Protein backbone atom coordinates (compact mmCIF):
# COMPACT_ATOMS: atom_id res chain seq x y z
CA UNK A 1 -0.68 15.18 8.52
CA UNK A 2 -2.11 11.91 7.24
CA UNK A 3 -4.43 12.51 4.31
CA UNK A 4 -6.42 10.04 2.26
CA UNK A 5 -8.63 11.39 -0.49
CA UNK A 6 -11.16 9.14 -2.15
CA UNK A 7 -12.78 10.05 -5.46
CA UNK A 8 -14.61 8.53 -8.39
CA UNK A 9 -18.05 8.03 -6.93
CA UNK A 10 -21.25 8.87 -8.70
CA UNK A 11 -24.64 7.66 -9.83
CA UNK A 12 -24.68 4.36 -11.69
CA UNK A 13 -27.41 1.99 -12.80
CA UNK A 14 -27.68 -1.52 -11.35
CA UNK A 15 -25.24 -3.79 -13.11
CA UNK A 16 -22.90 -0.92 -13.87
CA UNK A 17 -19.31 -0.29 -12.87
CA UNK A 18 -17.29 2.38 -11.12
CA UNK A 19 -13.64 2.77 -10.23
CA UNK A 20 -12.83 4.55 -7.01
CA UNK A 21 -9.42 6.12 -6.47
CA UNK A 22 -7.57 6.95 -3.26
CA UNK A 23 -4.54 9.20 -2.96
CA UNK A 24 -2.47 9.13 0.22
CA UNK A 25 -0.12 11.80 1.54
CA UNK A 26 1.57 12.77 4.77
CA UNK A 27 2.81 9.26 5.50
CA UNK A 28 4.88 6.52 3.92
CA UNK A 29 2.21 4.96 1.76
CA UNK A 30 4.15 1.77 1.03
CA UNK A 31 4.46 0.96 4.75
CA UNK A 32 0.73 0.54 5.28
CA UNK A 33 -2.02 -1.76 4.20
CA UNK A 34 -4.98 0.01 2.63
CA UNK A 35 -8.61 -0.87 3.00
CA UNK A 36 -11.92 0.40 1.73
CA UNK A 37 -14.97 0.73 3.94
CA UNK A 38 -18.46 1.99 3.26
CA UNK A 39 -21.41 3.40 5.13
CA UNK A 40 -24.82 3.06 3.61
CA UNK A 41 -27.83 5.18 4.57
CA UNK A 42 -28.89 4.27 8.08
CA UNK A 43 -26.18 1.61 8.33
CA UNK A 44 -22.97 1.20 10.28
CA UNK A 45 -19.55 1.47 8.71
CA UNK A 46 -18.77 -1.77 6.89
CA UNK A 47 -15.36 -3.04 5.83
CA UNK A 48 -15.29 -3.89 2.12
CA UNK A 49 -11.79 -4.86 0.99
CA UNK A 50 -8.15 -4.68 1.98
CA UNK A 51 -4.75 -4.97 0.37
CA UNK A 52 -1.43 -5.49 2.09
CA UNK A 53 1.37 -2.95 1.89
CA UNK A 54 3.11 -4.85 -0.91
CA UNK A 55 -0.03 -5.20 -2.97
CA UNK A 56 0.14 -8.99 -3.10
CA UNK A 57 -2.53 -10.05 -0.61
CA UNK A 58 -6.14 -8.96 -1.00
CA UNK A 59 -9.21 -9.80 1.04
CA UNK A 60 -12.87 -9.01 0.51
CA UNK A 61 -16.10 -8.93 2.45
CA UNK A 62 -18.51 -11.64 1.34
CA UNK A 63 -21.08 -9.23 -0.19
CA UNK A 64 -18.53 -7.92 -2.71
CA UNK A 65 -16.46 -11.01 -3.49
CA UNK A 66 -16.23 -11.61 -7.20
CA UNK A 67 -17.50 -8.12 -8.00
CA UNK A 68 -14.92 -5.72 -6.50
CA UNK A 69 -11.17 -5.64 -7.00
CA UNK A 70 -8.76 -3.69 -4.81
CA UNK A 71 -5.35 -2.65 -6.11
CA UNK A 72 -2.58 -0.18 -5.39
CA UNK A 73 0.49 1.49 -6.87
CA UNK A 74 2.97 2.50 -4.19
CA UNK A 75 5.03 4.55 -6.64
CA UNK A 76 2.01 6.83 -7.08
CA UNK A 77 0.71 6.64 -3.51
CA UNK A 78 -2.58 5.46 -4.90
CA UNK A 79 -5.10 2.70 -4.40
CA UNK A 80 -8.23 1.79 -6.31
CA UNK A 81 -11.44 -0.10 -5.88
CA UNK A 82 -12.86 -1.43 -9.15
CA UNK A 83 -16.54 -2.15 -8.63
CA UNK A 84 -18.58 -4.18 -11.09
CA UNK A 85 -22.11 -5.58 -11.21
CA UNK A 86 -23.20 -2.87 -8.81
CA UNK A 87 -26.38 -3.34 -6.84
CA UNK A 88 -28.64 -0.91 -4.97
CA UNK A 89 -27.30 -2.35 -1.70
CA UNK A 90 -23.86 -1.04 -2.70
CA UNK A 91 -25.14 2.51 -2.29
CA UNK A 92 -22.95 4.13 0.35
CA UNK A 93 -20.22 6.61 1.08
CA UNK A 94 -16.95 4.83 0.39
CA UNK A 95 -13.79 5.57 2.37
CA UNK A 96 -10.21 4.54 1.94
CA UNK A 97 -8.30 4.05 5.15
CA UNK A 98 -5.15 2.81 6.79
CA UNK A 99 -4.39 1.92 10.36
CA UNK A 100 -3.50 5.54 11.00
CA UNK A 101 -6.29 7.40 9.32
CA UNK A 102 -9.40 7.56 7.18
CA UNK A 103 -10.09 10.20 4.61
CA UNK A 104 -13.22 11.87 3.37
CA UNK A 105 -15.39 9.53 1.41
CA UNK A 106 -16.94 9.50 -2.01
CA UNK A 107 -20.64 8.86 -2.59
CA UNK A 108 -21.71 5.90 -4.69
CA UNK A 109 -25.38 5.66 -5.60
CA UNK A 110 -26.73 2.65 -7.46
CA UNK A 111 -30.17 3.33 -8.81
CA UNK A 112 -32.21 3.08 -11.97
């Protein structure tokens, strides 16, 4: 069974930082690109960032470019999303996903 578990969310003030983690199991982690997506209150699911299976190519949605960094460690079956300069508009449930599954998300709330 494909499982992806995101964690690390929480409440942070505007301008703050958070690091989200994702652990994959039930599949060969190193064979799949990983992406992060988010769904804000009353909004549709939005793609945020992606990293290729080798960890060498990263892409970002325009709203997070320069503020978020995606990374992975295939030896640990893990991926991360380092988020900096957080804004209220970044408030959402964040999910890690591959082409074969999406796990439960982690809530990020940016508020003073």
